């Protein structure tokens, strides 16, 4: 039923609803919209994933660069997207001690210095302990391997955000 609502959306409605499914990448939602109507939520998700997969490595790195540092400056300033705020809160990144904040700041800086994009992990599928552990482990990966892992994490985030939108529309729908 919700897929019918998605299919009936005009371009602007679709971008407003799906523009942050891939963090700060409304152009991806715009490209996906051109392929409507969608047969299912799974088909819609696959279109987002296919778009990402067809990008050259530099484009995929660009997607990762749209993400902010976990528990970073944007969190402290309150300038995160509502989705990122909720995700970081759920993972416990909004309740870090001063020592943990200092540690994550250093880890984020080391990671970005090596890979030239921020550390991306699906915060909703992790907690602060696993996030700290993963960044400490993943910093030793090759750039090519880390790009693949980062994109896989973007797809997990996309999946969960699409489910949230689907549930919201289904709940509000009168079908």
N, C-alpha and C. Protein backbone atom coordinates (compact mmCIF):
# COMPACT_ATOMS: atom_id res chain seq x y z
N UNK A 1 0.81 -1.19 0.00
CA UNK A 1 0.00 0.00 0.00
C UNK A 1 0.85 1.26 0.00
N UNK A 2 1.91 1.29 0.83
CA UNK A 2 2.77 2.47 0.88
C UNK A 2 3.45 2.70 -0.45
N UNK A 3 3.74 1.63 -1.18
CA UNK A 3 4.40 1.80 -2.47
C UNK A 3 3.52 2.60 -3.41
N UNK A 4 2.20 2.46 -3.30
CA UNK A 4 1.29 3.26 -4.11
C UNK A 4 1.42 4.75 -3.77
N UNK A 5 1.61 5.03 -2.49
CA UNK A 5 1.79 6.41 -2.05
C UNK A 5 3.10 6.95 -2.65
N UNK A 6 4.16 6.16 -2.59
CA UNK A 6 5.44 6.58 -3.15
C UNK A 6 5.32 6.84 -4.65
N UNK A 7 4.62 5.95 -5.34
CA UNK A 7 4.46 6.08 -6.79
C UNK A 7 3.63 7.30 -7.17
N UNK A 8 2.74 7.74 -6.28
CA UNK A 8 1.90 8.89 -6.59
C UNK A 8 2.59 10.22 -6.28
N UNK A 9 3.75 10.17 -5.64
CA UNK A 9 4.46 11.40 -5.28
C UNK A 9 5.04 12.07 -6.52
N UNK A 10 4.93 13.40 -6.55
CA UNK A 10 5.62 14.11 -7.61
C UNK A 10 7.10 14.22 -7.21
N UNK A 11 7.88 14.78 -8.09
CA UNK A 11 9.33 14.87 -7.90
C UNK A 11 9.69 15.52 -6.56
N UNK A 12 9.12 16.68 -6.28
CA UNK A 12 9.47 17.40 -5.06
C UNK A 12 9.07 16.64 -3.81
N UNK A 13 7.89 16.03 -3.81
CA UNK A 13 7.46 15.23 -2.66
C UNK A 13 8.43 14.06 -2.43
N UNK A 14 8.81 13.41 -3.52
CA UNK A 14 9.72 12.27 -3.41
C UNK A 14 11.07 12.70 -2.84
N UNK A 15 11.61 13.81 -3.33
CA UNK A 15 12.90 14.30 -2.83
C UNK A 15 12.77 14.69 -1.36
N UNK A 16 11.68 15.34 -0.99
CA UNK A 16 11.49 15.70 0.41
C UNK A 16 11.44 14.47 1.32
N UNK A 17 10.85 13.40 0.83
CA UNK A 17 10.69 12.19 1.64
C UNK A 17 11.96 11.32 1.62
N UNK A 18 12.63 11.22 0.46
CA UNK A 18 13.73 10.26 0.30
C UNK A 18 15.11 10.91 0.11
N UNK A 19 15.16 12.23 0.17
CA UNK A 19 16.39 12.94 -0.13
C UNK A 19 17.55 12.67 0.81
N UNK A 20 17.26 12.16 2.00
CA UNK A 20 18.35 11.88 2.95
C UNK A 20 18.45 10.39 3.27
N UNK A 21 17.86 9.56 2.42
CA UNK A 21 18.01 8.11 2.60
C UNK A 21 19.50 7.75 2.48
N UNK A 22 20.16 8.38 1.55
CA UNK A 22 21.63 8.34 1.47
C UNK A 22 22.05 9.71 1.98
N UNK A 23 22.74 9.73 3.10
CA UNK A 23 23.05 10.97 3.83
C UNK A 23 23.48 12.11 2.91
N UNK A 24 22.69 13.19 2.96
CA UNK A 24 22.99 14.44 2.23
C UNK A 24 23.19 14.23 0.73
N UNK A 25 22.48 13.27 0.15
CA UNK A 25 22.61 12.98 -1.29
C UNK A 25 21.24 12.99 -1.97
N UNK A 26 20.56 14.13 -1.98
CA UNK A 26 19.24 14.15 -2.63
C UNK A 26 19.31 13.88 -4.13
N UNK A 27 20.47 14.08 -4.74
CA UNK A 27 20.60 13.79 -6.18
C UNK A 27 20.40 12.31 -6.48
N UNK A 28 20.76 11.46 -5.54
CA UNK A 28 20.54 10.03 -5.74
C UNK A 28 19.03 9.75 -5.71
N UNK A 29 18.34 10.36 -4.78
CA UNK A 29 16.87 10.19 -4.74
C UNK A 29 16.25 10.72 -6.03
N UNK A 30 16.78 11.82 -6.55
CA UNK A 30 16.26 12.37 -7.80
C UNK A 30 16.45 11.39 -8.95
N UNK A 31 17.61 10.76 -9.00
CA UNK A 31 17.87 9.78 -10.06
C UNK A 31 16.96 8.56 -9.91
N UNK A 32 16.75 8.12 -8.68
CA UNK A 32 15.89 6.97 -8.43
C UNK A 32 14.45 7.30 -8.82
N UNK A 33 13.98 8.51 -8.52
CA UNK A 33 12.60 8.90 -8.84
C UNK A 33 12.31 8.74 -10.33
N UNK A 34 13.30 8.96 -11.17
CA UNK A 34 13.07 8.87 -12.62
C UNK A 34 12.70 7.46 -13.06
N UNK A 35 12.90 6.48 -12.19
CA UNK A 35 12.58 5.08 -12.51
C UNK A 35 11.23 4.63 -11.96
N UNK A 36 10.44 5.57 -11.41
CA UNK A 36 9.14 5.14 -10.89
C UNK A 36 8.20 4.84 -12.05
N UNK A 37 7.18 4.06 -11.89
CA UNK A 37 6.68 3.53 -10.62
C UNK A 37 7.52 2.35 -10.12
N UNK A 38 7.46 2.16 -8.81
CA UNK A 38 8.20 1.09 -8.15
C UNK A 38 7.25 -0.06 -7.86
N UNK A 39 7.74 -1.26 -8.00
CA UNK A 39 6.88 -2.43 -7.78
C UNK A 39 6.78 -2.82 -6.30
N UNK A 40 7.81 -2.45 -5.53
CA UNK A 40 7.83 -2.83 -4.12
C UNK A 40 8.89 -1.99 -3.41
N UNK A 41 8.87 -2.06 -2.08
CA UNK A 41 9.90 -1.39 -1.30
C UNK A 41 11.26 -1.99 -1.63
N UNK A 42 11.32 -3.30 -1.81
CA UNK A 42 12.58 -3.96 -2.18
C UNK A 42 13.12 -3.47 -3.51
N UNK A 43 12.24 -3.25 -4.47
CA UNK A 43 12.66 -2.74 -5.77
C UNK A 43 13.18 -1.31 -5.65
N UNK A 44 12.53 -0.52 -4.82
CA UNK A 44 12.97 0.85 -4.59
C UNK A 44 14.36 0.84 -3.95
N UNK A 45 14.55 0.01 -2.94
CA UNK A 45 15.85 -0.10 -2.28
C UNK A 45 16.92 -0.54 -3.26
N UNK A 46 16.60 -1.50 -4.11
CA UNK A 46 17.56 -1.99 -5.10
C UNK A 46 17.98 -0.87 -6.05
N UNK A 47 17.07 0.02 -6.39
CA UNK A 47 17.41 1.14 -7.27
C UNK A 47 18.43 2.07 -6.60
N UNK A 48 18.26 2.32 -5.31
CA UNK A 48 19.25 3.12 -4.58
C UNK A 48 20.60 2.40 -4.59
N UNK A 49 20.59 1.12 -4.29
CA UNK A 49 21.84 0.35 -4.24
C UNK A 49 22.50 0.26 -5.61
N UNK A 50 21.71 0.02 -6.65
CA UNK A 50 22.27 -0.07 -8.01
C UNK A 50 22.91 1.25 -8.43
N UNK A 51 22.27 2.35 -8.08
CA UNK A 51 22.85 3.65 -8.41
C UNK A 51 24.23 3.78 -7.78
N UNK A 52 24.35 3.43 -6.51
CA UNK A 52 25.63 3.52 -5.80
C UNK A 52 26.65 2.58 -6.43
N UNK A 53 26.23 1.35 -6.74
CA UNK A 53 27.14 0.36 -7.30
C UNK A 53 27.68 0.76 -8.67
N UNK A 54 26.91 1.52 -9.43
CA UNK A 54 27.34 1.93 -10.76
C UNK A 54 28.27 3.14 -10.75
N UNK A 55 28.42 3.77 -9.61
CA UNK A 55 29.34 4.91 -9.52
C UNK A 55 30.78 4.43 -9.56
N UNK A 56 31.66 5.24 -10.12
CA UNK A 56 33.09 4.91 -10.04
C UNK A 56 33.55 5.07 -8.59
N UNK A 57 34.70 4.54 -8.25
CA UNK A 57 35.19 4.68 -6.87
C UNK A 57 35.19 6.13 -6.36
N UNK A 58 35.52 7.07 -7.21
CA UNK A 58 35.53 8.48 -6.77
C UNK A 58 34.13 8.94 -6.38
N UNK A 59 33.11 8.48 -7.08
CA UNK A 59 31.73 8.81 -6.73
C UNK A 59 31.30 8.16 -5.43
N UNK A 60 31.72 6.92 -5.23
CA UNK A 60 31.41 6.24 -3.97
C UNK A 60 32.11 6.93 -2.80
N UNK A 61 33.35 7.35 -3.02
CA UNK A 61 34.05 8.11 -1.97
C UNK A 61 33.30 9.40 -1.67
N UNK A 62 32.73 10.02 -2.69
CA UNK A 62 31.94 11.24 -2.50
C UNK A 62 30.74 10.99 -1.60
N UNK A 63 30.10 9.85 -1.78
CA UNK A 63 28.97 9.50 -0.90
C UNK A 63 29.45 9.38 0.54
N UNK A 64 30.59 8.75 0.75
CA UNK A 64 31.12 8.61 2.11
C UNK A 64 31.48 9.98 2.69
N UNK A 65 31.98 10.90 1.85
CA UNK A 65 32.34 12.23 2.32
C UNK A 65 31.12 13.05 2.75
N UNK A 66 29.94 12.66 2.32
CA UNK A 66 28.72 13.36 2.74
C UNK A 66 28.36 13.06 4.19
N UNK A 67 28.95 12.01 4.73
CA UNK A 67 28.68 11.64 6.13
C UNK A 67 29.53 12.50 7.05
N UNK A 68 29.04 12.68 8.24
CA UNK A 68 29.74 13.48 9.24
C UNK A 68 30.50 12.56 10.19
N UNK A 69 31.42 13.13 10.92
CA UNK A 69 32.15 12.35 11.93
C UNK A 69 31.18 11.92 13.02
N UNK A 70 31.26 10.65 13.39
CA UNK A 70 30.43 10.16 14.49
C UNK A 70 30.84 10.85 15.79
N UNK A 71 29.84 11.30 16.53
CA UNK A 71 30.05 11.98 17.81
C UNK A 71 30.97 13.19 17.64
N UNK A 72 30.88 13.82 16.48
CA UNK A 72 31.77 14.93 16.17
C UNK A 72 31.13 16.28 16.40
N UNK A 73 31.72 17.27 15.72
CA UNK A 73 31.32 18.67 15.87
C UNK A 73 29.84 18.89 15.58
N UNK A 74 29.30 18.25 14.53
CA UNK A 74 27.89 18.45 14.18
C UNK A 74 26.97 17.96 15.29
N UNK A 75 27.33 16.88 15.94
CA UNK A 75 26.52 16.39 17.07
C UNK A 75 26.54 17.42 18.20
N UNK A 76 27.72 17.93 18.52
CA UNK A 76 27.85 18.89 19.61
C UNK A 76 27.14 20.21 19.29
N UNK A 77 27.14 20.61 18.03
CA UNK A 77 26.50 21.87 17.63
C UNK A 77 25.01 21.70 17.37
N UNK A 78 24.52 20.45 17.32
CA UNK A 78 23.11 20.21 17.07
C UNK A 78 22.72 20.41 15.62
N UNK A 79 23.68 20.20 14.70
CA UNK A 79 23.40 20.42 13.28
C UNK A 79 23.30 19.12 12.47
N UNK A 80 23.11 18.01 13.15
CA UNK A 80 22.93 16.73 12.45
C UNK A 80 21.56 16.68 11.79
N UNK A 81 21.44 15.87 10.74
CA UNK A 81 20.11 15.59 10.21
C UNK A 81 19.33 14.86 11.30
N UNK A 82 18.02 14.94 11.23
CA UNK A 82 17.21 14.27 12.26
C UNK A 82 17.49 12.77 12.28
N UNK A 83 17.72 12.20 11.09
CA UNK A 83 18.02 10.76 11.02
C UNK A 83 19.34 10.45 11.73
N UNK A 84 20.38 11.22 11.43
CA UNK A 84 21.69 10.99 12.06
C UNK A 84 21.63 11.21 13.56
N UNK A 85 20.90 12.23 13.99
CA UNK A 85 20.76 12.49 15.42
C UNK A 85 20.15 11.28 16.13
N UNK A 86 19.07 10.75 15.57
CA UNK A 86 18.40 9.59 16.18
C UNK A 86 19.32 8.37 16.16
N UNK A 87 20.03 8.17 15.07
CA UNK A 87 20.91 7.00 14.94
C UNK A 87 22.06 7.06 15.93
N UNK A 88 22.69 8.24 16.05
CA UNK A 88 23.80 8.37 16.99
C UNK A 88 23.31 8.27 18.44
N UNK A 89 22.13 8.79 18.69
CA UNK A 89 21.55 8.68 20.02
C UNK A 89 21.30 7.21 20.38
N UNK A 90 20.71 6.47 19.44
CA UNK A 90 20.41 5.06 19.67
C UNK A 90 21.67 4.25 19.96
N UNK A 91 22.78 4.62 19.33
CA UNK A 91 24.04 3.90 19.53
C UNK A 91 24.77 4.33 20.80
N UNK A 92 24.26 5.34 21.47
CA UNK A 92 24.89 5.81 22.70
C UNK A 92 25.98 6.84 22.48
N UNK A 93 26.08 7.38 21.27
CA UNK A 93 27.14 8.35 20.97
C UNK A 93 26.84 9.75 21.49
N UNK A 94 25.63 9.97 21.95
CA UNK A 94 25.29 11.27 22.52
C UNK A 94 25.59 11.34 24.02
N UNK A 95 26.00 10.20 24.59
CA UNK A 95 26.26 10.13 26.03
C UNK A 95 27.70 9.73 26.33
N UNK A 96 28.64 10.27 25.59
CA UNK A 96 30.04 9.91 25.79
C UNK A 96 30.66 10.73 26.91
N UNK A 97 31.62 10.12 27.61
CA UNK A 97 32.39 10.85 28.60
C UNK A 97 33.37 11.77 27.86
N UNK A 98 34.00 12.67 28.58
CA UNK A 98 35.00 13.56 27.97
C UNK A 98 36.14 12.75 27.38
N UNK A 99 36.56 11.71 28.08
CA UNK A 99 37.64 10.85 27.57
C UNK A 99 37.21 10.14 26.28
N UNK A 100 35.99 9.64 26.26
CA UNK A 100 35.49 8.98 25.05
C UNK A 100 35.37 9.96 23.89
N UNK A 101 34.93 11.19 24.17
CA UNK A 101 34.85 12.21 23.12
C UNK A 101 36.22 12.51 22.53
N UNK A 102 37.19 12.61 23.40
CA UNK A 102 38.56 12.86 22.96
C UNK A 102 39.07 11.68 22.12
N UNK A 103 38.79 10.48 22.58
CA UNK A 103 39.23 9.28 21.86
C UNK A 103 38.58 9.18 20.48
N UNK A 104 37.28 9.43 20.39
CA UNK A 104 36.60 9.32 19.09
C UNK A 104 37.07 10.43 18.16
N UNK A 105 37.36 11.61 18.70
CA UNK A 105 37.87 12.71 17.89
C UNK A 105 39.22 12.32 17.27
N UNK A 106 40.08 11.72 18.07
CA UNK A 106 41.39 11.28 17.57
C UNK A 106 41.25 10.15 16.55
N UNK A 107 40.37 9.19 16.83
CA UNK A 107 40.16 8.10 15.89
C UNK A 107 39.57 8.60 14.57
N UNK A 108 38.59 9.49 14.65
CA UNK A 108 38.01 10.07 13.43
C UNK A 108 39.08 10.79 12.61
N UNK A 109 39.92 11.57 13.27
CA UNK A 109 40.96 12.33 12.57
C UNK A 109 41.97 11.38 11.91
N UNK A 110 42.39 10.35 12.61
CA UNK A 110 43.34 9.38 12.04
C UNK A 110 42.73 8.66 10.86
N UNK A 111 41.48 8.28 10.98
CA UNK A 111 40.79 7.57 9.91
C UNK A 111 40.68 8.46 8.67
N UNK A 112 40.23 9.69 8.85
CA UNK A 112 40.09 10.62 7.72
C UNK A 112 41.44 10.95 7.09
N UNK A 113 42.45 11.04 7.91
CA UNK A 113 43.79 11.32 7.39
C UNK A 113 44.26 10.18 6.47
N UNK A 114 43.91 8.96 6.82
CA UNK A 114 44.33 7.81 6.01
C UNK A 114 43.46 7.64 4.77
N UNK A 115 42.15 7.73 4.93
CA UNK A 115 41.24 7.36 3.83
C UNK A 115 40.65 8.56 3.08
N UNK A 116 40.72 9.75 3.65
CA UNK A 116 40.20 10.97 3.02
C UNK A 116 38.67 10.99 2.93
N UNK A 117 38.03 10.21 3.78
CA UNK A 117 36.58 10.28 3.97
C UNK A 117 36.31 9.83 5.41
N UNK A 118 35.16 10.23 5.96
CA UNK A 118 34.86 9.87 7.35
C UNK A 118 34.56 8.38 7.53
N UNK A 119 34.75 7.93 8.73
CA UNK A 119 34.38 6.57 9.12
C UNK A 119 32.87 6.46 9.08
N UNK A 120 32.36 5.48 8.32
CA UNK A 120 30.92 5.27 8.20
C UNK A 120 30.60 3.87 8.71
N UNK A 121 29.64 3.83 9.62
CA UNK A 121 29.13 2.57 10.15
C UNK A 121 27.64 2.77 10.44
N UNK A 122 26.88 1.74 10.29
CA UNK A 122 25.45 1.83 10.58
C UNK A 122 25.29 1.86 12.11
N UNK A 123 25.18 3.06 12.64
CA UNK A 123 25.13 3.24 14.10
C UNK A 123 23.97 2.47 14.72
N UNK A 124 22.85 2.39 14.03
CA UNK A 124 21.68 1.70 14.59
C UNK A 124 21.91 0.21 14.77
N UNK A 125 22.86 -0.35 14.07
CA UNK A 125 23.15 -1.78 14.20
C UNK A 125 24.35 -2.03 15.13
N UNK A 126 24.77 -0.98 15.81
CA UNK A 126 25.93 -1.06 16.68
C UNK A 126 25.67 -0.23 17.94
N UNK A 127 26.60 -0.32 18.86
CA UNK A 127 26.58 0.56 20.03
C UNK A 127 27.94 1.23 20.13
N UNK A 128 28.10 2.13 21.08
CA UNK A 128 29.35 2.89 21.13
C UNK A 128 30.58 2.00 21.30
N UNK A 129 30.46 0.91 22.03
CA UNK A 129 31.61 0.02 22.21
C UNK A 129 32.02 -0.64 20.90
N UNK A 130 31.04 -1.15 20.14
CA UNK A 130 31.39 -1.79 18.86
C UNK A 130 31.87 -0.76 17.84
N UNK A 131 31.34 0.46 17.91
CA UNK A 131 31.80 1.51 17.00
C UNK A 131 33.25 1.85 17.28
N UNK A 132 33.60 2.04 18.53
CA UNK A 132 35.00 2.31 18.89
C UNK A 132 35.90 1.16 18.44
N UNK A 133 35.44 -0.06 18.66
CA UNK A 133 36.22 -1.23 18.27
C UNK A 133 36.39 -1.30 16.76
N UNK A 134 35.31 -1.05 16.02
CA UNK A 134 35.35 -1.15 14.56
C UNK A 134 36.25 -0.09 13.93
N UNK A 135 36.20 1.13 14.41
CA UNK A 135 37.06 2.16 13.83
C UNK A 135 38.53 1.83 14.11
N UNK A 136 38.80 1.27 15.30
CA UNK A 136 40.17 0.89 15.64
C UNK A 136 40.68 -0.25 14.77
N UNK A 137 39.78 -1.14 14.37
CA UNK A 137 40.15 -2.27 13.50
C UNK A 137 40.22 -1.83 12.04
N UNK A 138 39.20 -1.12 11.59
CA UNK A 138 39.08 -0.79 10.17
C UNK A 138 40.14 0.20 9.69
N UNK A 139 40.73 0.95 10.59
CA UNK A 139 41.76 1.90 10.19
C UNK A 139 42.98 1.19 9.58
N UNK A 140 43.08 -0.11 9.81
CA UNK A 140 44.21 -0.89 9.28
C UNK A 140 43.90 -1.49 7.91
N UNK A 141 42.70 -1.30 7.40
CA UNK A 141 42.33 -1.83 6.08
C UNK A 141 43.00 -1.05 4.97
N UNK A 142 43.02 -1.65 3.80
CA UNK A 142 43.48 -0.92 2.62
C UNK A 142 42.39 0.06 2.20
N UNK A 143 42.74 1.12 1.49
CA UNK A 143 41.70 2.07 1.03
C UNK A 143 40.62 1.39 0.19
N UNK A 144 40.98 0.47 -0.67
CA UNK A 144 40.00 -0.22 -1.51
C UNK A 144 39.04 -1.05 -0.68
N UNK A 145 39.58 -1.76 0.30
CA UNK A 145 38.74 -2.59 1.16
C UNK A 145 37.82 -1.72 2.02
N UNK A 146 38.37 -0.63 2.52
CA UNK A 146 37.58 0.24 3.39
C UNK A 146 36.47 0.95 2.60
N UNK A 147 36.73 1.26 1.34
CA UNK A 147 35.68 1.84 0.50
C UNK A 147 34.52 0.85 0.37
N UNK A 148 34.83 -0.41 0.14
CA UNK A 148 33.76 -1.42 0.03
C UNK A 148 32.98 -1.56 1.32
N UNK A 149 33.69 -1.58 2.44
CA UNK A 149 33.01 -1.70 3.74
C UNK A 149 32.15 -0.46 3.99
N UNK A 150 32.70 0.72 3.73
CA UNK A 150 31.94 1.95 3.94
C UNK A 150 30.67 1.99 3.12
N UNK A 151 30.76 1.58 1.85
CA UNK A 151 29.57 1.56 0.99
C UNK A 151 28.56 0.52 1.48
N UNK A 152 29.03 -0.62 1.95
CA UNK A 152 28.12 -1.62 2.51
C UNK A 152 27.39 -1.05 3.73
N UNK A 153 28.07 -0.25 4.53
CA UNK A 153 27.44 0.38 5.69
C UNK A 153 26.41 1.43 5.25
N UNK A 154 26.73 2.19 4.19
CA UNK A 154 25.77 3.15 3.64
C UNK A 154 24.49 2.43 3.22
N UNK A 155 24.63 1.26 2.61
CA UNK A 155 23.46 0.50 2.18
C UNK A 155 22.64 0.01 3.37
N UNK A 156 23.28 -0.33 4.47
CA UNK A 156 22.54 -0.72 5.68
C UNK A 156 21.75 0.47 6.22
N UNK A 157 22.39 1.64 6.24
CA UNK A 157 21.72 2.85 6.70
C UNK A 157 20.52 3.14 5.79
N UNK A 158 20.74 3.05 4.49
CA UNK A 158 19.67 3.27 3.51
C UNK A 158 18.50 2.32 3.77
N UNK A 159 18.80 1.06 3.97
CA UNK A 159 17.76 0.06 4.22
C UNK A 159 16.89 0.45 5.42
N UNK A 160 17.55 0.80 6.52
CA UNK A 160 16.80 1.15 7.73
C UNK A 160 16.01 2.43 7.57
N UNK A 161 16.58 3.40 6.87
CA UNK A 161 15.85 4.65 6.65
C UNK A 161 14.65 4.43 5.73
N UNK A 162 14.79 3.58 4.72
CA UNK A 162 13.65 3.25 3.87
C UNK A 162 12.56 2.55 4.66
N UNK A 163 12.95 1.63 5.54
CA UNK A 163 11.95 0.96 6.39
C UNK A 163 11.22 1.96 7.27
N UNK A 164 11.94 2.93 7.81
CA UNK A 164 11.31 3.96 8.63
C UNK A 164 10.27 4.74 7.83
N UNK A 165 10.64 5.13 6.62
CA UNK A 165 9.71 5.88 5.76
C UNK A 165 8.50 5.01 5.42
N UNK A 166 8.75 3.76 5.09
CA UNK A 166 7.68 2.83 4.74
C UNK A 166 6.71 2.68 5.92
N UNK A 167 7.24 2.49 7.12
CA UNK A 167 6.39 2.33 8.31
C UNK A 167 5.60 3.61 8.58
N UNK A 168 6.25 4.75 8.42
CA UNK A 168 5.58 6.02 8.66
C UNK A 168 4.42 6.21 7.67
N UNK A 169 4.67 5.95 6.40
CA UNK A 169 3.64 6.12 5.38
C UNK A 169 2.53 5.09 5.58
N UNK A 170 2.89 3.84 5.87
CA UNK A 170 1.90 2.79 6.10
C UNK A 170 1.01 3.13 7.28
N UNK A 171 1.61 3.66 8.32
CA UNK A 171 0.87 4.03 9.53
C UNK A 171 -0.11 5.17 9.24
N UNK A 172 0.33 6.14 8.44
CA UNK A 172 -0.49 7.31 8.16
C UNK A 172 -1.46 7.11 6.99
N UNK A 173 -1.25 6.03 6.25
CA UNK A 173 -2.07 5.77 5.06
C UNK A 173 -3.45 5.24 5.46
N UNK A 174 -4.43 5.58 4.68
CA UNK A 174 -5.81 5.14 4.96
C UNK A 174 -6.25 4.00 4.03
N UNK A 175 -5.29 3.34 3.38
CA UNK A 175 -5.65 2.26 2.44
C UNK A 175 -6.21 1.07 3.17
